[in-house]
Amino acid sequence: MLYTVIPAGGSGTRLWPLSRSSNPKFLHPLTGSDQSLLQATVERLSPLSDPQHQYVVTGTGHAVAVARQLPGLPEENILVEPSPMDSAPAIALAAAVIAQRDPDAVMGAFAADHLIADADAFTRTVSQAMEGAADGLLMTIGITPTGPETGYGYLRRGKALAVGHLLAEFKEKPDHVAAVEYVSSGDYLWNAGMFVWRVDAFLAELARQRPRMHEAVRTLAAAWETPRRDATLAEIWPDMERISVDYAVMEGAAAAGKVGVVPGDFGWNDVGDFDTLGSVLPTDEVGNVVIAAGDVKPEVLTMDARRNVVVPGSGRLVGVLGVDDLIVVDTEDALLVCPRDRAQDVKRLVDELKATGRVDLV
């Protein structure tokens, strides 16, 4: 049985004003069904991991909502971090707590906010990664590219293994020319941030590359199920290094020949912005997508309008007339209107709100 860890953090700034720091995107039903992204992630992992082996790492502000959305998850499997410190501390804490409970565990880490079309193919791919992890490799799952995407990092495959390949190199997000070269070569996969490993192998590599973080999470894990937990967190967590698991562990491990990669072709999408949602969710006959926002019943009237993404979240009717390729997001306290090809720039509005002190809106 795989121990599955779901880091559930971030505020999804490119999905503002729907996604906020207090109500981030993974808690929203952006899956084309009534399930939130988090709930869909847990259901997708169920063939690999029962509730006793499922963990969520989240912040203090989201722990209650996570517990409410996942009533079958044991309370002790919701690991609450006092403040966000990026993915390395969150995943390392989970690995150390799991190792404390089961030193021989195989663990997988999967983001809470991805969409996957083919759950069966996903399960088969993770099972392949578990085979590589059993041999002591830190495994990652790379997505077979569908085009020269510049918004993702890339993974360069090395020599073939019994399952997958050694990972030769992590590559940062490329420009278009480099992305075309990567995809044309057939040697590269998109980096989806999905990992599978034995907890002892991961923690040994963490100790080699980040000894202070290793010592910190081991100390936290030892105190986790004792009355000392809160005091130990308060003492240790503020000094934790803020860094992603790619930079903290995986790149160095790959350089040492300790990382394997298996390709995945299961309809993966990183739900990063409204244009992406408009591309993957069901549309009407002229390409419009209406996204339900929480418990608000969507009410939208479109006329002579095509390929728009509309999120009616205020409870009032949203009318869209004579326009194409727009994003319209209506919430109780903020309205967003922008072209779909500027979806990535929504983050700039959030940055401006922060800079002007309007933190109540972010």
Protein backbone atom coordinates (compact mmCIF):
# COMPACT_ATOMS: atom_id res chain seq x y z
CA MET A 1 0.00 0.00 0.00
CA LEU A 2 1.36 3.41 -1.03
CA TYR A 3 1.45 6.23 1.49
CA THR A 4 0.14 9.23 -0.47
CA VAL A 5 0.97 12.81 0.53
CA ILE A 6 -0.93 15.76 -0.90
CA PRO A 7 0.69 19.16 -0.31
CA ALA A 8 -2.28 21.56 -0.27
CA GLY A 9 -1.03 25.12 -0.15
CA GLY A 10 -0.67 28.25 -2.21
CA SER A 11 -3.32 30.79 -3.15
CA GLY A 12 -3.60 30.33 -6.92
CA THR A 13 -3.05 33.98 -7.78
CA ARG A 14 -3.72 33.45 -11.50
CA LEU A 15 -7.22 32.28 -10.56
CA TRP A 16 -8.05 35.50 -8.68
CA PRO A 17 -10.64 36.65 -7.66
CA LEU A 18 -12.11 33.14 -7.34
CA SER A 19 -9.04 31.74 -5.57
CA ARG A 20 -7.94 33.65 -2.48
CA SER A 21 -5.36 33.01 0.23
CA SER A 22 -8.24 32.16 2.59
CA ASN A 23 -10.06 29.96 0.02
CA PRO A 24 -7.46 28.66 -2.45
CA LYS A 25 -8.11 26.88 -5.72
CA PHE A 26 -7.72 23.33 -4.44
CA LEU A 27 -10.87 23.80 -2.32
CA HIS A 28 -12.97 24.82 -5.36
CA PRO A 29 -14.97 22.52 -7.68
CA LEU A 30 -12.93 23.17 -10.84
CA THR A 31 -13.11 19.59 -12.09
CA GLY A 32 -16.27 19.72 -14.18
CA SER A 33 -18.13 18.00 -11.31
CA ASP A 34 -19.19 18.80 -7.76
CA GLN A 35 -15.83 17.60 -6.43
CA SER A 36 -13.16 20.08 -5.44
CA LEU A 37 -9.69 19.64 -6.89
CA LEU A 38 -8.57 18.24 -3.52
CA GLN A 39 -11.43 15.74 -3.36
CA ALA A 40 -10.74 14.62 -6.92
CA THR A 41 -7.07 14.11 -6.06
CA VAL A 42 -7.91 11.91 -3.06
CA GLU A 43 -10.40 9.86 -5.10
CA ARG A 44 -7.83 9.39 -7.87
CA LEU A 45 -5.32 8.04 -5.35
CA SER A 46 -7.80 5.67 -3.69
CA PRO A 47 -6.88 2.61 -5.80
CA LEU A 48 -3.30 3.01 -4.56
CA SER A 49 -3.88 4.15 -0.98
CA ASP A 50 -6.69 3.73 1.55
CA PRO A 51 -7.62 6.60 3.93
CA GLN A 52 -5.29 5.30 6.66
CA HIS A 53 -2.37 5.79 4.24
CA GLN A 54 -3.43 9.18 2.86
CA TYR A 55 -1.95 12.42 4.20
CA VAL A 56 -2.57 16.10 3.48
CA VAL A 57 -0.08 18.81 4.42
CA THR A 58 -1.80 22.19 4.65
CA GLY A 59 -1.72 25.52 6.44
CA THR A 60 -3.47 26.54 9.64
CA GLY A 61 -6.01 28.58 7.72
CA HIS A 62 -7.12 25.64 5.57
CA ALA A 63 -7.03 22.69 7.97
CA VAL A 64 -10.70 22.94 8.94
CA ALA A 65 -11.85 23.17 5.31
CA VAL A 66 -9.63 20.20 4.37
CA ALA A 67 -11.10 18.12 7.19
CA ARG A 68 -14.62 19.11 6.17
CA GLN A 69 -14.05 18.15 2.54
CA LEU A 70 -12.34 14.86 3.45
CA PRO A 71 -14.40 13.38 6.29
CA GLY A 72 -12.91 9.92 5.75
CA LEU A 73 -9.34 11.11 6.32
CA PRO A 74 -8.06 10.42 9.85
CA GLU A 75 -7.50 13.63 11.78
CA GLU A 76 -3.92 12.61 12.56
CA ASN A 77 -3.17 12.41 8.83
CA ILE A 78 -3.76 16.14 8.33
CA LEU A 79 -0.35 17.67 8.97
CA VAL A 80 -0.67 21.38 9.66
CA GLU A 81 2.29 23.63 8.95
CA PRO A 82 2.30 26.93 10.87
CA SER A 83 3.36 28.97 7.82
CA PRO A 84 4.06 28.18 4.15
CA MET A 85 7.69 27.25 3.47
CA ASP A 86 7.40 25.86 -0.09
CA SER A 87 7.29 22.19 -0.99
CA ALA A 88 10.53 20.83 0.51
CA PRO A 89 9.70 21.38 4.20
CA ALA A 90 6.10 20.20 3.69
CA ILE A 91 7.07 17.00 1.89
CA ALA A 92 10.04 16.36 4.19
CA LEU A 93 7.83 16.73 7.27
CA ALA A 94 5.36 14.22 5.84
CA ALA A 95 8.15 11.79 4.98
CA ALA A 96 9.58 12.02 8.50
CA VAL A 97 6.19 11.52 10.18
CA ILE A 98 5.44 8.54 7.94
CA ALA A 99 8.90 7.07 8.61
CA GLN A 100 8.25 7.43 12.34
CA ARG A 101 5.10 5.34 11.90
CA ASP A 102 6.40 2.93 9.23
CA PRO A 103 10.16 2.98 8.50
CA ASP A 104 9.73 0.77 5.41
CA ALA A 105 7.04 2.91 3.79
CA VAL A 106 6.88 3.82 0.12
CA MET A 107 5.50 7.33 -0.27
CA GLY A 108 4.14 9.34 -3.18
CA ALA A 109 3.67 13.12 -3.28
CA PHE A 110 0.98 14.58 -5.57
CA ALA A 111 -0.25 18.17 -5.81
CA ALA A 112 -3.80 18.96 -4.72
CA ASP A 113 -4.64 21.12 -7.73
CA HIS A 114 -4.05 19.05 -10.87
CA LEU A 115 -6.62 17.71 -13.32
CA ILE A 116 -6.16 14.21 -14.74
CA ALA A 117 -8.47 12.79 -17.42
CA ASP A 118 -7.52 9.09 -17.34
CA ALA A 119 -7.44 7.87 -13.74
CA ASP A 120 -6.69 4.26 -14.72
CA ALA A 121 -3.62 5.26 -16.74
CA PHE A 122 -2.51 7.43 -13.83
CA THR A 123 -2.76 4.44 -11.46
CA ARG A 124 -0.70 2.27 -13.82
CA THR A 125 1.99 4.94 -14.11
CA VAL A 126 2.28 5.42 -10.35
CA SER A 127 2.50 1.63 -9.93
CA GLN A 128 5.47 1.62 -12.34
CA ALA A 129 7.12 4.38 -10.32
CA MET A 130 6.64 2.28 -7.17
CA GLU A 131 8.68 -0.50 -8.79
CA GLY A 132 11.60 1.88 -9.30
CA ALA A 133 11.21 3.25 -5.78
CA ALA A 134 11.43 -0.27 -4.34
CA ASP A 135 14.98 -0.42 -5.76
CA GLY A 136 15.94 2.72 -3.82
CA LEU A 137 15.58 5.34 -6.56
CA LEU A 138 13.79 8.61 -5.99
CA MET A 139 11.19 8.42 -8.75
CA THR A 140 9.43 11.22 -10.56
CA ILE A 141 6.64 11.06 -13.12
CA GLY A 142 7.14 13.07 -16.28
CA ILE A 143 4.30 14.01 -18.59
CA THR A 144 4.61 13.13 -22.26
CA PRO A 145 4.59 16.57 -23.96
CA THR A 146 1.77 17.46 -26.30
CA GLY A 147 3.58 20.52 -27.60
CA PRO A 148 6.42 23.00 -26.98
CA GLU A 149 4.99 24.38 -23.75
CA THR A 150 7.08 27.16 -22.17
CA GLY A 151 5.15 27.25 -18.89
CA TYR A 152 6.55 23.97 -17.52
CA GLY A 153 9.94 22.73 -16.45
CA TYR A 154 11.34 19.73 -18.33
CA LEU A 155 13.01 16.43 -17.42
CA ARG A 156 15.76 15.01 -19.65
CA ARG A 157 15.79 11.23 -19.76
CA GLY A 158 19.05 9.31 -19.41
CA LYS A 159 19.80 5.63 -19.83
CA ALA A 160 16.95 3.13 -19.86
CA LEU A 161 16.11 1.14 -16.73
CA ALA A 162 13.93 -1.90 -16.18
CA VAL A 163 11.19 0.63 -15.42
CA GLY A 164 11.54 4.02 -17.08
CA HIS A 165 14.86 5.85 -17.28
CA LEU A 166 17.43 7.46 -15.08
CA LEU A 167 16.76 11.18 -14.91
CA ALA A 168 19.72 12.93 -16.49
CA GLU A 169 18.79 16.52 -15.74
CA PHE A 170 16.10 18.94 -14.59
CA LYS A 171 15.58 21.85 -16.97
CA GLU A 172 14.02 25.20 -16.08
CA LYS A 173 11.10 26.61 -18.05
CA PRO A 174 12.50 27.16 -21.57
CA ASP A 175 11.90 29.80 -24.20
CA HIS A 176 9.93 28.72 -27.28
CA VAL A 177 12.96 27.79 -29.37
CA ALA A 178 14.38 25.55 -26.65
CA ALA A 179 10.93 24.03 -25.98
CA VAL A 180 10.62 23.06 -29.66
CA GLU A 181 14.06 21.43 -29.51
CA TYR A 182 13.18 19.53 -26.33
CA VAL A 183 9.93 18.14 -27.70
CA SER A 184 11.39 17.32 -31.12
CA SER A 185 14.22 15.31 -29.55
CA GLY A 186 11.86 12.90 -27.76
CA ASP A 187 14.21 12.91 -24.75
CA TYR A 188 12.24 15.30 -22.59
CA LEU A 189 9.13 15.15 -20.43
CA TRP A 190 7.23 17.86 -18.60
CA ASN A 191 7.97 18.14 -14.90
CA ALA A 192 4.64 17.66 -13.12
CA GLY A 193 6.03 17.63 -9.58
CA MET A 194 4.92 14.05 -8.84
CA PHE A 195 7.29 11.91 -6.77
CA VAL A 196 7.45 8.34 -5.44
CA TRP A 197 10.19 6.99 -3.13
CA ARG A 198 10.97 4.91 -0.08
CA VAL A 199 10.93 7.27 2.87
CA ASP A 200 14.30 5.98 4.07
CA ALA A 201 15.87 6.72 0.66
CA PHE A 202 14.40 10.22 0.53
CA LEU A 203 15.40 11.10 4.08
CA ALA A 204 18.94 9.80 3.49
CA GLU A 205 19.24 12.10 0.47
CA LEU A 206 17.75 14.98 2.44
CA ALA A 207 20.38 14.37 5.15
CA ARG A 208 23.15 14.43 2.52
CA GLN A 209 22.05 17.66 0.86
CA ARG A 210 20.07 19.54 3.53
CA PRO A 211 21.30 18.23 6.91
CA ARG A 212 19.68 21.05 8.89
CA MET A 213 16.28 20.41 7.35
CA HIS A 214 16.70 16.69 7.90
CA GLU A 215 17.49 17.21 11.58
CA ALA A 216 14.54 19.60 11.92
CA VAL A 217 11.91 17.29 10.41
CA ARG A 218 13.23 14.29 12.33
CA THR A 219 12.90 16.27 15.56
CA LEU A 220 9.39 17.36 14.59
CA ALA A 221 8.37 13.80 13.69
CA ALA A 222 9.61 12.49 17.05
CA ALA A 223 7.44 15.05 18.84
CA TRP A 224 4.47 14.88 16.46
CA GLU A 225 2.30 12.53 18.49
CA THR A 226 3.30 13.91 21.89
CA PRO A 227 2.23 16.97 23.91
CA ARG A 228 5.46 18.64 22.71
CA ARG A 229 4.28 19.03 19.11
CA ASP A 230 3.09 22.65 19.20
CA ALA A 231 6.08 23.88 21.21
CA THR A 232 8.51 22.05 18.92
CA LEU A 233 6.83 23.46 15.81
CA ALA A 234 6.94 26.97 17.24
CA GLU A 235 10.64 26.59 17.96
CA ILE A 236 11.77 24.91 14.73
CA TRP A 237 9.42 25.86 11.89
CA PRO A 238 10.21 29.62 11.61
CA ASP A 239 13.87 28.80 10.86
CA MET A 240 13.04 26.23 8.17
CA GLU A 241 14.58 26.92 4.77
CA ARG A 242 11.97 28.10 2.25
CA ILE A 243 12.75 26.04 -0.85
CA SER A 244 11.12 23.66 -3.32
CA VAL A 245 11.79 19.93 -3.16
CA ASP A 246 13.21 20.08 -6.70
CA TYR A 247 15.95 22.48 -5.64
CA ALA A 248 16.46 21.07 -2.16
CA VAL A 249 16.79 17.39 -3.05
CA MET A 250 15.82 16.21 -6.51
CA GLU A 251 18.29 18.14 -8.68
CA GLY A 252 21.24 17.08 -6.55
CA ALA A 253 19.99 13.52 -6.38
CA ALA A 254 19.63 13.41 -10.18
CA ALA A 255 23.21 14.65 -10.58
CA ALA A 256 24.29 11.72 -8.37
CA GLY A 257 22.36 9.19 -10.48
CA LYS A 258 19.72 8.55 -7.82
CA VAL A 259 16.56 9.68 -9.64
CA GLY A 260 14.42 7.69 -12.04
CA VAL A 261 11.59 8.91 -14.26
CA VAL A 262 8.62 7.16 -15.82
CA PRO A 263 6.52 8.81 -18.54
CA GLY A 264 2.86 9.49 -17.97
CA ASP A 265 0.21 9.96 -20.63
CA PHE A 266 -3.03 10.36 -18.72
CA GLY A 267 -4.44 13.74 -19.70
CA TRP A 268 -2.62 15.85 -17.11
CA ASN A 269 -3.28 19.56 -16.65
CA ASP A 270 -1.82 21.95 -14.13
CA VAL A 271 -4.80 24.18 -13.32
CA GLY A 272 -2.83 27.40 -13.39
CA ASP A 273 -5.22 29.93 -14.91
CA PHE A 274 -8.69 30.47 -16.31
CA ASP A 275 -7.61 29.94 -19.92
CA THR A 276 -6.41 26.43 -18.99
CA LEU A 277 -9.76 25.69 -17.37
CA GLY A 278 -11.50 26.91 -20.49
CA SER A 279 -9.47 24.45 -22.52
CA VAL A 280 -10.12 21.34 -20.43
CA LEU A 281 -13.64 21.72 -18.99
CA PRO A 282 -16.84 20.97 -20.93
CA THR A 283 -18.09 23.77 -23.19
CA ASP A 284 -21.40 24.70 -24.78
CA GLU A 285 -21.87 24.40 -28.53
CA VAL A 286 -19.91 27.60 -29.22
CA GLY A 287 -17.06 27.04 -26.79
CA ASN A 288 -18.22 28.94 -23.70
CA VAL A 289 -17.31 27.47 -20.31
CA VAL A 290 -19.31 28.25 -17.18
CA ILE A 291 -17.55 27.35 -13.91
CA ALA A 292 -19.56 26.92 -10.73
CA ALA A 293 -18.10 28.81 -7.76
CA GLY A 294 -18.73 27.00 -4.49
CA ASP A 295 -22.37 26.71 -3.45
CA VAL A 296 -23.55 29.53 -5.72
CA LYS A 297 -25.88 28.30 -8.45
CA PRO A 298 -24.38 29.51 -11.73
CA GLU A 299 -26.68 31.78 -13.73
CA VAL A 300 -25.24 32.99 -17.02
CA LEU A 301 -26.90 34.34 -20.15
CA THR A 302 -24.75 34.35 -23.29
CA MET A 303 -25.73 35.78 -26.66
CA ASP A 304 -23.54 36.04 -29.78
CA ALA A 305 -20.60 35.16 -27.54
CA ARG A 306 -18.02 32.44 -28.13
CA ARG A 307 -15.14 30.77 -26.26
CA ASN A 308 -15.63 32.78 -23.09
CA VAL A 309 -14.83 31.54 -19.57
CA VAL A 310 -17.47 32.75 -17.12
CA VAL A 311 -17.40 32.27 -13.34
CA PRO A 312 -20.61 33.57 -11.71
CA GLY A 313 -19.77 33.62 -8.02
CA SER A 314 -21.81 36.52 -6.65
CA GLY A 315 -25.29 35.04 -6.90
CA ARG A 316 -26.43 37.54 -9.53
CA LEU A 317 -26.98 36.90 -13.23
CA VAL A 318 -23.96 37.43 -15.49
CA GLY A 319 -24.83 38.45 -19.06
CA VAL A 320 -22.23 38.11 -21.83
CA LEU A 321 -23.18 39.69 -25.15
CA GLY A 322 -21.29 40.04 -28.42
CA VAL A 323 -17.80 39.25 -27.13
CA ASP A 324 -15.40 36.37 -27.72
CA ASP A 325 -12.43 34.88 -25.86
CA LEU A 326 -12.95 36.72 -22.60
CA ILE A 327 -12.61 35.72 -18.95
CA VAL A 328 -15.38 37.06 -16.70
CA VAL A 329 -15.17 36.25 -12.98
CA ASP A 330 -17.85 37.80 -10.78
CA THR A 331 -17.52 37.48 -6.99
CA GLU A 332 -19.16 39.32 -4.13
CA ASP A 333 -16.34 41.82 -3.71
CA ALA A 334 -14.39 41.80 -6.99
CA LEU A 335 -15.00 41.51 -10.74
CA LEU A 336 -12.39 40.39 -13.27
CA VAL A 337 -12.68 40.92 -17.03
CA CYS A 338 -9.75 40.18 -19.30
CA PRO A 339 -8.90 38.48 -22.63
CA ARG A 340 -8.16 34.76 -22.37
CA ASP A 341 -4.69 35.30 -23.85
CA ARG A 342 -3.85 37.52 -20.85
CA ALA A 343 -4.83 34.87 -18.27
CA GLN A 344 -1.27 34.52 -17.00
CA ASP A 345 -1.18 38.25 -16.22
CA VAL A 346 -3.96 38.06 -13.62
CA LYS A 347 -1.20 37.52 -11.07
CA ARG A 348 -0.08 41.11 -11.77
CA LEU A 349 -3.40 42.40 -10.43
CA VAL A 350 -2.86 40.43 -7.23
CA ASP A 351 0.67 41.82 -6.92
CA GLU A 352 -0.70 45.35 -7.34
CA LEU A 353 -3.38 44.77 -4.70
CA LYS A 354 -0.72 43.56 -2.27
CA ALA A 355 1.51 46.52 -3.08
CA THR A 356 -1.32 48.98 -2.37
CA GLY A 357 -2.33 47.31 0.88
CA ARG A 358 -5.60 45.73 -0.34
CA VAL A 359 -4.79 42.41 1.30
CA ASP A 360 -8.48 42.01 2.14
CA LEU A 361 -9.05 41.20 -1.54
CA VAL A 362 -6.29 38.62 -1.98
